[in-house]
Amino acid sequence: MSARITGTILCVEDERFLLEELEEELTARGHKVLTAQSSAEAEAILSRHCPDIVLCDVMLPDRNGFELLEGLRGSDRLAETTAFIFLTALSSREPQLKGLRAGAIDYLTKPIDLDLLHLKIENTLAFTHRLRGGPVPAGEAPDVHLSRREKQVLSLLGQGERTGSIALALEISEHTVSHYIKELYRKLGINNRAEAARVAILLRLAA
């Protein structure tokens, strides 16, 4: 039997009891768990960390979960490889469609079926694990000269890091990182971070 894949999971839930229950359940399965009780707290955590999965309630005290996800996706502050799953008491069809349209990969209703949750998490982690660390994709590495700093930025992009995290890691400003990303896109003829990750793998700058 293969070993269970574990990962980093951010739980966003304003009900303290449920948040603690989720943290206990997921920690017991070997996952690293980050917690937030509002959209603002979640954004602060996501500016410093790159979780594999975000489990998010819809009804939050500030902005709701739909608005949080739309804002993160729209501003490119959520890594391409971070999966977003809604956990909510809203069980009707329309909220589920809204959540999926916002970019979530799944939508689970409360009360949470923990067995189902664990299975969905395991399947999602297996997928993101293959996406991040799978075989090198087909294709030839682009024949283009990249500076040492450009390679560093591309390597971190390939690991799913965001602009703020790259700035911290390289000790440069976010504005400078954005400039490097723009130049990389131009030089490599790519349009988004998913393509940047693929090129980073081809250039052996990311696993």
N, C-alpha and C. Protein backbone atom coordinates (compact mmCIF):
# COMPACT_ATOMS: atom_id res chain seq x y z
N MET A 1 0.85 -1.20 0.00
CA MET A 1 0.00 0.00 0.00
C MET A 1 0.89 1.25 0.00
N SER A 2 0.61 2.19 -0.90
CA SER A 2 1.44 3.39 -0.99
C SER A 2 1.20 4.32 0.18
N ALA A 3 2.23 5.07 0.52
CA ALA A 3 2.10 5.99 1.65
C ALA A 3 1.12 7.11 1.32
N ARG A 4 0.40 7.54 2.33
CA ARG A 4 -0.56 8.63 2.14
C ARG A 4 0.19 9.93 1.86
N ILE A 5 -0.28 10.67 0.87
CA ILE A 5 0.32 11.96 0.54
C ILE A 5 -0.23 13.01 1.50
N THR A 6 0.65 13.77 2.10
CA THR A 6 0.22 14.84 3.01
C THR A 6 0.61 16.18 2.41
N GLY A 7 -0.01 17.23 2.92
CA GLY A 7 0.29 18.55 2.38
C GLY A 7 -0.02 19.65 3.37
N THR A 8 0.04 20.87 2.89
CA THR A 8 -0.28 22.04 3.71
C THR A 8 -1.68 22.52 3.34
N ILE A 9 -2.53 22.66 4.35
CA ILE A 9 -3.93 23.03 4.13
C ILE A 9 -4.29 24.25 4.96
N LEU A 10 -4.85 25.25 4.30
CA LEU A 10 -5.35 26.43 4.99
C LEU A 10 -6.85 26.27 5.19
N CYS A 11 -7.30 26.31 6.44
CA CYS A 11 -8.72 26.22 6.76
C CYS A 11 -9.23 27.62 7.12
N VAL A 12 -10.25 28.08 6.40
CA VAL A 12 -10.83 29.40 6.66
C VAL A 12 -12.27 29.19 7.14
N GLU A 13 -12.48 29.42 8.42
CA GLU A 13 -13.78 29.13 9.05
C GLU A 13 -13.96 30.04 10.26
N ASP A 14 -15.11 30.77 10.33
CA ASP A 14 -15.28 31.71 11.43
C ASP A 14 -15.83 31.06 12.70
N GLU A 15 -16.35 29.85 12.60
CA GLU A 15 -16.83 29.14 13.80
C GLU A 15 -15.65 28.44 14.46
N ARG A 16 -15.24 28.94 15.62
CA ARG A 16 -14.05 28.44 16.29
C ARG A 16 -14.09 26.94 16.54
N PHE A 17 -15.24 26.43 16.99
CA PHE A 17 -15.34 25.01 17.30
C PHE A 17 -15.08 24.16 16.05
N LEU A 18 -15.71 24.53 14.94
CA LEU A 18 -15.53 23.77 13.71
C LEU A 18 -14.09 23.91 13.20
N LEU A 19 -13.52 25.10 13.33
CA LEU A 19 -12.14 25.31 12.90
C LEU A 19 -11.18 24.41 13.68
N GLU A 20 -11.40 24.33 14.98
CA GLU A 20 -10.54 23.47 15.80
C GLU A 20 -10.73 21.99 15.46
N GLU A 21 -11.98 21.61 15.15
CA GLU A 21 -12.24 20.23 14.77
C GLU A 21 -11.52 19.88 13.46
N LEU A 22 -11.59 20.78 12.50
CA LEU A 22 -10.90 20.55 11.23
C LEU A 22 -9.39 20.47 11.43
N GLU A 23 -8.87 21.38 12.23
CA GLU A 23 -7.43 21.39 12.48
C GLU A 23 -6.99 20.08 13.13
N GLU A 24 -7.75 19.61 14.09
CA GLU A 24 -7.42 18.36 14.79
C GLU A 24 -7.48 17.17 13.84
N GLU A 25 -8.54 17.11 13.04
CA GLU A 25 -8.72 16.00 12.10
C GLU A 25 -7.59 15.95 11.07
N LEU A 26 -7.28 17.09 10.49
CA LEU A 26 -6.28 17.13 9.42
C LEU A 26 -4.86 16.94 9.96
N THR A 27 -4.60 17.50 11.13
CA THR A 27 -3.28 17.31 11.75
C THR A 27 -3.05 15.84 12.06
N ALA A 28 -4.10 15.15 12.52
CA ALA A 28 -3.99 13.74 12.85
C ALA A 28 -3.66 12.90 11.62
N ARG A 29 -4.02 13.41 10.44
CA ARG A 29 -3.71 12.72 9.18
C ARG A 29 -2.34 13.07 8.65
N GLY A 30 -1.60 13.90 9.36
CA GLY A 30 -0.24 14.24 8.96
C GLY A 30 -0.09 15.52 8.18
N HIS A 31 -1.19 16.26 7.99
CA HIS A 31 -1.11 17.50 7.22
C HIS A 31 -0.62 18.65 8.10
N LYS A 32 0.03 19.62 7.47
CA LYS A 32 0.33 20.88 8.14
C LYS A 32 -0.89 21.77 7.96
N VAL A 33 -1.43 22.30 9.05
CA VAL A 33 -2.67 23.05 8.98
C VAL A 33 -2.46 24.51 9.38
N LEU A 34 -2.92 25.42 8.54
CA LEU A 34 -2.95 26.85 8.82
C LEU A 34 -4.41 27.24 9.02
N THR A 35 -4.68 28.19 9.90
CA THR A 35 -6.08 28.54 10.17
C THR A 35 -6.32 30.04 10.09
N ALA A 36 -7.54 30.39 9.66
CA ALA A 36 -7.97 31.79 9.59
C ALA A 36 -9.46 31.84 9.87
N GLN A 37 -9.92 32.94 10.46
CA GLN A 37 -11.33 33.09 10.78
C GLN A 37 -12.02 34.18 9.96
N SER A 38 -11.31 34.74 8.99
CA SER A 38 -11.88 35.77 8.13
C SER A 38 -11.12 35.81 6.81
N SER A 39 -11.70 36.49 5.83
CA SER A 39 -11.03 36.65 4.54
C SER A 39 -9.73 37.42 4.69
N ALA A 40 -9.74 38.44 5.55
CA ALA A 40 -8.54 39.25 5.76
C ALA A 40 -7.40 38.41 6.33
N GLU A 41 -7.72 37.56 7.31
CA GLU A 41 -6.71 36.68 7.89
C GLU A 41 -6.19 35.70 6.85
N ALA A 42 -7.10 35.18 6.03
CA ALA A 42 -6.70 34.24 4.99
C ALA A 42 -5.74 34.89 4.00
N GLU A 43 -6.04 36.11 3.58
CA GLU A 43 -5.18 36.82 2.65
C GLU A 43 -3.80 37.06 3.25
N ALA A 44 -3.75 37.40 4.53
CA ALA A 44 -2.47 37.63 5.19
C ALA A 44 -1.63 36.36 5.19
N ILE A 45 -2.27 35.23 5.45
CA ILE A 45 -1.56 33.95 5.45
C ILE A 45 -1.08 33.60 4.05
N LEU A 46 -1.95 33.82 3.06
CA LEU A 46 -1.59 33.48 1.68
C LEU A 46 -0.50 34.37 1.12
N SER A 47 -0.26 35.52 1.73
CA SER A 47 0.83 36.38 1.29
C SER A 47 2.18 35.84 1.75
N ARG A 48 2.14 34.91 2.73
CA ARG A 48 3.38 34.34 3.28
C ARG A 48 3.55 32.87 2.99
N HIS A 49 2.45 32.18 2.71
CA HIS A 49 2.51 30.73 2.52
C HIS A 49 1.84 30.32 1.21
N CYS A 50 2.20 29.15 0.73
CA CYS A 50 1.62 28.61 -0.50
C CYS A 50 1.05 27.23 -0.19
N PRO A 51 -0.16 27.16 0.38
CA PRO A 51 -0.73 25.86 0.74
C PRO A 51 -1.11 25.04 -0.49
N ASP A 52 -1.23 23.74 -0.29
CA ASP A 52 -1.68 22.88 -1.37
C ASP A 52 -3.18 23.02 -1.59
N ILE A 53 -3.91 23.20 -0.47
CA ILE A 53 -5.37 23.28 -0.53
C ILE A 53 -5.85 24.39 0.41
N VAL A 54 -6.91 25.09 -0.01
CA VAL A 54 -7.63 26.01 0.86
C VAL A 54 -9.03 25.45 1.06
N LEU A 55 -9.40 25.19 2.32
CA LEU A 55 -10.76 24.79 2.66
C LEU A 55 -11.43 26.04 3.22
N CYS A 56 -12.48 26.52 2.57
CA CYS A 56 -13.01 27.83 2.94
C CYS A 56 -14.53 27.83 3.11
N ASP A 57 -14.97 28.38 4.23
CA ASP A 57 -16.39 28.60 4.46
C ASP A 57 -16.85 29.72 3.51
N VAL A 58 -18.13 29.74 3.18
CA VAL A 58 -18.66 30.81 2.34
C VAL A 58 -19.05 32.02 3.17
N MET A 59 -19.79 31.78 4.26
CA MET A 59 -20.28 32.88 5.09
C MET A 59 -19.23 33.28 6.11
N LEU A 60 -18.48 34.32 5.81
CA LEU A 60 -17.41 34.81 6.68
C LEU A 60 -17.78 36.21 7.17
N PRO A 61 -17.18 36.67 8.28
CA PRO A 61 -17.59 37.95 8.89
C PRO A 61 -17.26 39.19 8.07
N ASP A 62 -16.29 39.11 7.18
CA ASP A 62 -15.99 40.27 6.35
C ASP A 62 -16.48 40.00 4.92
N ARG A 63 -15.60 39.74 4.00
CA ARG A 63 -16.04 39.35 2.66
C ARG A 63 -16.35 37.86 2.64
N ASN A 64 -17.35 37.46 1.85
CA ASN A 64 -17.68 36.04 1.82
C ASN A 64 -16.63 35.26 1.02
N GLY A 65 -16.72 33.94 1.10
CA GLY A 65 -15.73 33.10 0.46
C GLY A 65 -15.66 33.26 -1.04
N PHE A 66 -16.82 33.49 -1.69
CA PHE A 66 -16.83 33.71 -3.13
C PHE A 66 -16.01 34.95 -3.49
N GLU A 67 -16.24 36.03 -2.74
CA GLU A 67 -15.52 37.28 -3.00
C GLU A 67 -14.02 37.11 -2.73
N LEU A 68 -13.70 36.36 -1.69
CA LEU A 68 -12.29 36.11 -1.38
C LEU A 68 -11.60 35.40 -2.54
N LEU A 69 -12.20 34.31 -3.02
CA LEU A 69 -11.59 33.55 -4.10
C LEU A 69 -11.49 34.36 -5.38
N GLU A 70 -12.56 35.08 -5.72
CA GLU A 70 -12.54 35.90 -6.93
C GLU A 70 -11.45 36.97 -6.85
N GLY A 71 -11.28 37.56 -5.67
CA GLY A 71 -10.24 38.56 -5.50
C GLY A 71 -8.85 37.99 -5.63
N LEU A 72 -8.64 36.81 -5.06
CA LEU A 72 -7.33 36.15 -5.13
C LEU A 72 -6.99 35.76 -6.55
N ARG A 73 -7.96 35.18 -7.24
CA ARG A 73 -7.72 34.77 -8.63
C ARG A 73 -7.50 35.99 -9.53
N GLY A 74 -8.32 37.01 -9.31
CA GLY A 74 -8.25 38.19 -10.16
C GLY A 74 -6.95 38.96 -10.02
N SER A 75 -6.34 38.90 -8.84
CA SER A 75 -5.10 39.64 -8.59
C SER A 75 -3.87 38.74 -8.65
N ASP A 76 -4.07 37.48 -9.06
CA ASP A 76 -2.96 36.54 -9.21
C ASP A 76 -2.22 36.31 -7.90
N ARG A 77 -2.98 36.30 -6.78
CA ARG A 77 -2.36 36.08 -5.47
C ARG A 77 -2.56 34.66 -4.96
N LEU A 78 -3.12 33.80 -5.80
CA LEU A 78 -3.29 32.40 -5.43
C LEU A 78 -2.53 31.55 -6.43
N ALA A 79 -1.63 30.71 -5.92
CA ALA A 79 -0.79 29.90 -6.81
C ALA A 79 -1.66 29.02 -7.71
N GLU A 80 -1.21 28.79 -8.94
CA GLU A 80 -1.95 27.96 -9.89
C GLU A 80 -2.17 26.55 -9.34
N THR A 81 -1.24 26.09 -8.52
CA THR A 81 -1.33 24.71 -8.01
C THR A 81 -2.05 24.60 -6.67
N THR A 82 -2.59 25.71 -6.14
CA THR A 82 -3.35 25.66 -4.90
C THR A 82 -4.82 25.40 -5.21
N ALA A 83 -5.34 24.29 -4.68
CA ALA A 83 -6.74 23.92 -4.91
C ALA A 83 -7.62 24.62 -3.87
N PHE A 84 -8.80 25.05 -4.28
CA PHE A 84 -9.72 25.77 -3.41
C PHE A 84 -11.02 24.97 -3.30
N ILE A 85 -11.40 24.62 -2.06
CA ILE A 85 -12.62 23.83 -1.82
C ILE A 85 -13.50 24.58 -0.83
N PHE A 86 -14.76 24.79 -1.19
CA PHE A 86 -15.69 25.45 -0.29
C PHE A 86 -16.35 24.45 0.66
N LEU A 87 -16.48 24.86 1.92
CA LEU A 87 -17.23 24.11 2.92
C LEU A 87 -18.33 25.05 3.41
N THR A 88 -19.59 24.69 3.24
CA THR A 88 -20.65 25.64 3.59
C THR A 88 -21.98 24.96 3.87
N ALA A 89 -22.82 25.68 4.59
CA ALA A 89 -24.17 25.20 4.87
C ALA A 89 -25.11 25.50 3.71
N LEU A 90 -24.67 26.29 2.73
CA LEU A 90 -25.50 26.63 1.57
C LEU A 90 -25.53 25.44 0.62
N SER A 91 -26.63 24.70 0.65
CA SER A 91 -26.68 23.44 -0.09
C SER A 91 -27.45 23.50 -1.40
N SER A 92 -28.05 24.64 -1.72
CA SER A 92 -28.83 24.73 -2.95
C SER A 92 -27.90 24.79 -4.17
N ARG A 93 -28.46 24.59 -5.33
CA ARG A 93 -27.68 24.47 -6.56
C ARG A 93 -26.97 25.77 -6.93
N GLU A 94 -27.63 26.91 -6.80
CA GLU A 94 -27.07 28.16 -7.26
C GLU A 94 -25.76 28.55 -6.55
N PRO A 95 -25.70 28.45 -5.20
CA PRO A 95 -24.41 28.75 -4.55
C PRO A 95 -23.30 27.80 -4.98
N GLN A 96 -23.65 26.54 -5.22
CA GLN A 96 -22.64 25.58 -5.68
C GLN A 96 -22.10 25.99 -7.04
N LEU A 97 -22.98 26.38 -7.95
CA LEU A 97 -22.54 26.84 -9.27
C LEU A 97 -21.69 28.10 -9.16
N LYS A 98 -22.10 29.00 -8.27
CA LYS A 98 -21.35 30.24 -8.07
C LYS A 98 -19.94 29.95 -7.58
N GLY A 99 -19.82 29.02 -6.63
CA GLY A 99 -18.52 28.65 -6.11
C GLY A 99 -17.61 28.05 -7.16
N LEU A 100 -18.18 27.19 -7.99
CA LEU A 100 -17.39 26.55 -9.04
C LEU A 100 -17.01 27.57 -10.11
N ARG A 101 -17.91 28.50 -10.41
CA ARG A 101 -17.60 29.55 -11.40
C ARG A 101 -16.48 30.46 -10.89
N ALA A 102 -16.43 30.64 -9.57
CA ALA A 102 -15.39 31.50 -8.98
C ALA A 102 -14.01 30.86 -9.07
N GLY A 103 -13.97 29.55 -9.34
CA GLY A 103 -12.68 28.88 -9.50
C GLY A 103 -12.40 27.78 -8.50
N ALA A 104 -13.39 27.43 -7.66
CA ALA A 104 -13.20 26.33 -6.72
C ALA A 104 -13.21 25.00 -7.48
N ILE A 105 -12.51 24.00 -6.95
CA ILE A 105 -12.52 22.70 -7.61
C ILE A 105 -13.60 21.80 -7.02
N ASP A 106 -14.13 22.18 -5.84
CA ASP A 106 -15.17 21.36 -5.23
C ASP A 106 -15.95 22.19 -4.22
N TYR A 107 -17.06 21.60 -3.73
CA TYR A 107 -18.00 22.31 -2.87
C TYR A 107 -18.64 21.28 -1.96
N LEU A 108 -18.32 21.30 -0.67
CA LEU A 108 -18.87 20.34 0.28
C LEU A 108 -19.81 21.04 1.25
N THR A 109 -20.94 20.41 1.53
CA THR A 109 -21.93 21.03 2.41
C THR A 109 -21.80 20.55 3.85
N LYS A 110 -22.19 21.42 4.77
CA LYS A 110 -22.19 21.10 6.18
C LYS A 110 -23.53 20.46 6.55
N PRO A 111 -23.58 19.58 7.56
CA PRO A 111 -22.44 19.11 8.35
C PRO A 111 -21.48 18.29 7.50
N ILE A 112 -20.21 18.48 7.76
CA ILE A 112 -19.18 17.89 6.91
C ILE A 112 -19.06 16.39 7.15
N ASP A 113 -19.09 15.64 6.07
CA ASP A 113 -18.81 14.20 6.11
C ASP A 113 -17.29 14.07 6.09
N LEU A 114 -16.69 13.76 7.24
CA LEU A 114 -15.24 13.76 7.35
C LEU A 114 -14.59 12.69 6.48
N ASP A 115 -15.24 11.54 6.32
CA ASP A 115 -14.67 10.50 5.45
C ASP A 115 -14.59 11.00 4.01
N LEU A 116 -15.67 11.67 3.57
CA LEU A 116 -15.69 12.23 2.22
C LEU A 116 -14.65 13.34 2.08
N LEU A 117 -14.54 14.18 3.09
CA LEU A 117 -13.55 15.26 3.07
C LEU A 117 -12.14 14.70 2.93
N HIS A 118 -11.81 13.69 3.74
CA HIS A 118 -10.46 13.12 3.68
C HIS A 118 -10.16 12.52 2.30
N LEU A 119 -11.15 11.86 1.70
CA LEU A 119 -10.95 11.26 0.38
C LEU A 119 -10.72 12.35 -0.67
N LYS A 120 -11.49 13.42 -0.60
CA LYS A 120 -11.32 14.51 -1.56
C LYS A 120 -9.96 15.17 -1.40
N ILE A 121 -9.53 15.34 -0.15
CA ILE A 121 -8.22 15.92 0.10
C ILE A 121 -7.12 15.03 -0.45
N GLU A 122 -7.21 13.72 -0.20
CA GLU A 122 -6.19 12.79 -0.69
C GLU A 122 -6.12 12.79 -2.21
N ASN A 123 -7.29 12.80 -2.88
CA ASN A 123 -7.31 12.82 -4.34
C ASN A 123 -6.74 14.13 -4.88
N THR A 124 -7.09 15.22 -4.22
CA THR A 124 -6.59 16.53 -4.66
C THR A 124 -5.09 16.63 -4.49
N LEU A 125 -4.58 16.16 -3.35
CA LEU A 125 -3.13 16.20 -3.12
C LEU A 125 -2.38 15.30 -4.10
N ALA A 126 -2.97 14.16 -4.44
CA ALA A 126 -2.34 13.26 -5.41
C ALA A 126 -2.20 13.97 -6.75
N PHE A 127 -3.24 14.72 -7.12
CA PHE A 127 -3.21 15.45 -8.39
C PHE A 127 -2.17 16.57 -8.36
N THR A 128 -2.19 17.40 -7.30
CA THR A 128 -1.25 18.51 -7.23
C THR A 128 0.19 18.01 -7.08
N HIS A 129 0.34 16.85 -6.43
CA HIS A 129 1.68 16.25 -6.31
C HIS A 129 2.22 15.89 -7.69
N ARG A 130 1.36 15.31 -8.53
CA ARG A 130 1.79 14.98 -9.89
C ARG A 130 2.07 16.24 -10.69
N LEU A 131 1.25 17.27 -10.47
CA LEU A 131 1.41 18.53 -11.19
C LEU A 131 2.74 19.20 -10.84
N ARG A 132 3.08 19.16 -9.54
CA ARG A 132 4.30 19.85 -9.09
C ARG A 132 5.54 19.00 -9.26
N GLY A 133 5.41 17.70 -9.03
CA GLY A 133 6.61 16.87 -9.00
C GLY A 133 6.61 15.71 -9.95
N GLY A 134 5.71 15.74 -10.93
CA GLY A 134 5.60 14.64 -11.88
C GLY A 134 6.72 14.65 -12.90
N PRO A 135 6.61 13.79 -13.92
CA PRO A 135 7.62 13.71 -14.96
C PRO A 135 7.76 15.03 -15.70
N VAL A 136 8.93 15.27 -16.23
CA VAL A 136 9.16 16.49 -17.02
C VAL A 136 8.24 16.46 -18.23
N PRO A 137 7.48 17.52 -18.50
CA PRO A 137 6.54 17.52 -19.62
C PRO A 137 7.26 17.45 -20.95
N ALA A 138 6.54 16.94 -21.95
CA ALA A 138 7.12 16.83 -23.28
C ALA A 138 7.43 18.22 -23.82
N GLY A 139 8.45 18.27 -24.66
CA GLY A 139 8.80 19.55 -25.27
C GLY A 139 10.27 19.84 -25.08
N GLU A 140 10.75 20.83 -25.81
CA GLU A 140 12.15 21.21 -25.73
C GLU A 140 12.30 22.47 -24.90
N ALA A 141 13.37 22.52 -24.14
CA ALA A 141 13.64 23.72 -23.35
C ALA A 141 13.93 24.88 -24.29
N PRO A 142 13.36 26.05 -24.05
CA PRO A 142 13.60 27.20 -24.93
C PRO A 142 15.07 27.62 -24.91
N ASP A 143 15.59 27.96 -26.07
CA ASP A 143 16.97 28.39 -26.19
C ASP A 143 17.03 29.90 -26.03
N VAL A 144 17.06 30.34 -24.78
CA VAL A 144 17.05 31.77 -24.50
C VAL A 144 17.96 32.04 -23.31
N HIS A 145 18.66 33.15 -23.36
CA HIS A 145 19.56 33.50 -22.24
C HIS A 145 18.76 34.15 -21.12
N LEU A 146 18.94 33.61 -19.91
CA LEU A 146 18.32 34.19 -18.73
C LEU A 146 19.41 34.56 -17.74
N SER A 147 19.27 35.73 -17.12
CA SER A 147 20.22 36.15 -16.10
C SER A 147 20.06 35.28 -14.86
N ARG A 148 21.02 35.36 -13.96
CA ARG A 148 20.96 34.59 -12.72
C ARG A 148 19.69 34.93 -11.95
N ARG A 149 19.35 36.20 -11.86
CA ARG A 149 18.16 36.61 -11.13
C ARG A 149 16.88 36.13 -11.82
N GLU A 150 16.87 36.19 -13.16
CA GLU A 150 15.70 35.71 -13.89
C GLU A 150 15.49 34.22 -13.65
N LYS A 151 16.58 33.47 -13.58
CA LYS A 151 16.46 32.03 -13.30
C LYS A 151 15.92 31.80 -11.90
N GLN A 152 16.36 32.62 -10.95
CA GLN A 152 15.86 32.49 -9.58
C GLN A 152 14.35 32.75 -9.52
N VAL A 153 13.91 33.80 -10.20
CA VAL A 153 12.49 34.14 -10.21
C VAL A 153 11.69 33.04 -10.89
N LEU A 154 12.19 32.54 -12.03
CA LEU A 154 11.48 31.48 -12.75
C LEU A 154 11.42 30.21 -11.93
N SER A 155 12.50 29.90 -11.22
CA SER A 155 12.50 28.72 -10.36
C SER A 155 11.42 28.80 -9.29
N LEU A 156 11.29 29.97 -8.66
CA LEU A 156 10.28 30.15 -7.62
C LEU A 156 8.87 30.15 -8.21
N LEU A 157 8.72 30.71 -9.41
CA LEU A 157 7.43 30.63 -10.09
C LEU A 157 7.05 29.18 -10.34
N GLY A 158 8.04 28.39 -10.72
CA GLY A 158 7.81 26.98 -10.99
C GLY A 158 7.42 26.19 -9.76
N GLN A 159 7.74 26.73 -8.59
CA GLN A 159 7.36 26.08 -7.34
C GLN A 159 6.01 26.59 -6.83
N GLY A 160 5.36 27.45 -7.62
CA GLY A 160 4.04 27.94 -7.24
C GLY A 160 4.05 29.15 -6.33
N GLU A 161 5.22 29.78 -6.16
CA GLU A 161 5.29 30.93 -5.25
C GLU A 161 4.68 32.17 -5.90
N ARG A 162 4.15 33.05 -5.06
CA ARG A 162 3.55 34.29 -5.54
C ARG A 162 4.57 35.43 -5.49
N THR A 163 4.16 36.56 -6.03
CA THR A 163 5.06 37.71 -6.13
C THR A 163 5.62 38.11 -4.77
N GLY A 164 4.75 38.20 -3.74
CA GLY A 164 5.21 38.60 -2.42
C GLY A 164 6.21 37.64 -1.82
N SER A 165 5.96 36.34 -1.99
CA SER A 165 6.87 35.32 -1.45
C SER A 165 8.22 35.36 -2.17
N ILE A 166 8.18 35.58 -3.49
CA ILE A 166 9.43 35.66 -4.26
C ILE A 166 10.24 36.87 -3.82
N ALA A 167 9.55 38.00 -3.60
CA ALA A 167 10.24 39.20 -3.14
C ALA A 167 10.94 38.97 -1.81
N LEU A 168 10.24 38.29 -0.89
CA LEU A 168 10.84 37.99 0.42
C LEU A 168 12.03 37.05 0.27
N ALA A 169 11.87 36.02 -0.54
CA ALA A 169 12.94 35.03 -0.70
C ALA A 169 14.20 35.63 -1.31
N LEU A 170 14.02 36.55 -2.27
CA LEU A 170 15.17 37.12 -2.97
C LEU A 170 15.59 38.48 -2.40
N GLU A 171 14.83 38.96 -1.41
CA GLU A 171 15.13 40.23 -0.74
C GLU A 171 15.15 41.40 -1.72
N ILE A 172 14.12 41.42 -2.57
CA ILE A 172 13.93 42.52 -3.49
C ILE A 172 12.47 42.97 -3.40
N SER A 173 12.12 44.07 -4.03
CA SER A 173 10.76 44.59 -3.93
C SER A 173 9.80 43.80 -4.83
N GLU A 174 8.50 43.86 -4.48
CA GLU A 174 7.50 43.21 -5.31
C GLU A 174 7.46 43.85 -6.70
N HIS A 175 7.69 45.15 -6.77
CA HIS A 175 7.72 45.85 -8.06
C HIS A 175 8.82 45.26 -8.95
N THR A 176 9.98 45.02 -8.36
CA THR A 176 11.10 44.45 -9.12
C THR A 176 10.77 43.03 -9.57
N VAL A 177 10.13 42.25 -8.69
CA VAL A 177 9.73 40.89 -9.06
C VAL A 177 8.76 40.93 -10.24
N SER A 178 7.80 41.83 -10.18
CA SER A 178 6.82 41.96 -11.26
C SER A 178 7.51 42.30 -12.58
N HIS A 179 8.55 43.13 -12.50
CA HIS A 179 9.31 43.49 -13.70
C HIS A 179 10.00 42.25 -14.27
N TYR A 180 10.62 41.44 -13.40
CA TYR A 180 11.30 40.22 -13.85
C TYR A 180 10.29 39.26 -14.49
N ILE A 181 9.12 39.14 -13.87
CA ILE A 181 8.10 38.23 -14.41
C ILE A 181 7.65 38.69 -15.79
N LYS A 182 7.45 39.99 -15.94
CA LYS A 182 7.04 40.54 -17.24
C LYS A 182 8.10 40.25 -18.30
N GLU A 183 9.38 40.43 -17.94
CA GLU A 183 10.47 40.17 -18.89
C GLU A 183 10.56 38.68 -19.23
N LEU A 184 10.34 37.82 -18.22
CA LEU A 184 10.36 36.37 -18.46
C LEU A 184 9.26 35.98 -19.44
N TYR A 185 8.07 36.51 -19.23
CA TYR A 185 6.95 36.22 -20.13
C TYR A 185 7.31 36.63 -21.56
N ARG A 186 7.94 37.82 -21.69
CA ARG A 186 8.30 38.32 -23.02
C ARG A 186 9.36 37.44 -23.67
N LYS A 187 10.43 37.13 -22.91
CA LYS A 187 11.53 36.34 -23.45
C LYS A 187 11.11 34.92 -23.82
N LEU A 188 10.25 34.33 -22.97
CA LEU A 188 9.88 32.93 -23.15
C LEU A 188 8.62 32.75 -24.00
N GLY A 189 7.94 33.86 -24.32
CA GLY A 189 6.74 33.76 -25.13
C GLY A 189 5.60 33.06 -24.43
N ILE A 190 5.45 33.34 -23.13
CA ILE A 190 4.40 32.70 -22.33
C ILE A 190 3.46 33.77 -21.80
N ASN A 191 2.31 33.30 -21.25
CA ASN A 191 1.27 34.25 -20.85
C ASN A 191 0.81 34.12 -19.41
N ASN A 192 1.18 33.04 -18.71
CA ASN A 192 0.69 32.86 -17.35
C ASN A 192 1.66 32.02 -16.52
N ARG A 193 1.34 31.87 -15.25
CA ARG A 193 2.23 31.17 -14.32
C ARG A 193 2.26 29.67 -14.56
N ALA A 194 1.17 29.12 -15.06
CA ALA A 194 1.17 27.69 -15.36
C ALA A 194 2.20 27.38 -16.45
N GLU A 195 2.25 28.24 -17.48
CA GLU A 195 3.23 28.06 -18.55
C GLU A 195 4.64 28.31 -18.02
N ALA A 196 4.77 29.27 -17.10
CA ALA A 196 6.09 29.53 -16.50
C ALA A 196 6.57 28.31 -15.73
N ALA A 197 5.66 27.64 -15.03
CA ALA A 197 6.03 26.44 -14.27
C ALA A 197 6.50 25.34 -15.22
N ARG A 198 5.82 25.21 -16.35
CA ARG A 198 6.20 24.19 -17.33
C ARG A 198 7.61 24.46 -17.87
N VAL A 199 7.89 25.73 -18.21
CA VAL A 199 9.21 26.09 -18.73
C VAL A 199 10.27 25.88 -17.67
N ALA A 200 9.95 26.21 -16.42
CA ALA A 200 10.91 26.02 -15.33
C ALA A 200 11.30 24.54 -15.20
N ILE A 201 10.32 23.66 -15.40
CA ILE A 201 10.61 22.21 -15.34
C ILE A 201 11.49 21.81 -16.52
N LEU A 202 11.16 22.30 -17.71
CA LEU A 202 11.95 21.98 -18.89
C LEU A 202 13.40 22.45 -18.73
N LEU A 203 13.60 23.58 -18.08
CA LEU A 203 14.94 24.13 -17.86
C LEU A 203 15.59 23.55 -16.60
N ARG A 204 14.87 22.61 -15.96
CA ARG A 204 15.35 21.97 -14.72
C ARG A 204 15.60 22.97 -13.60
N LEU A 205 14.75 23.99 -13.57
CA LEU A 205 14.81 24.98 -12.50
C LEU A 205 13.77 24.69 -11.42
N ALA A 206 12.91 23.72 -11.68
CA ALA A 206 11.88 23.32 -10.70
C ALA A 206 11.64 21.84 -10.90
N ALA A 207 11.21 21.19 -9.77
CA ALA A 207 10.95 19.75 -9.82
C ALA A 207 9.63 19.49 -10.52
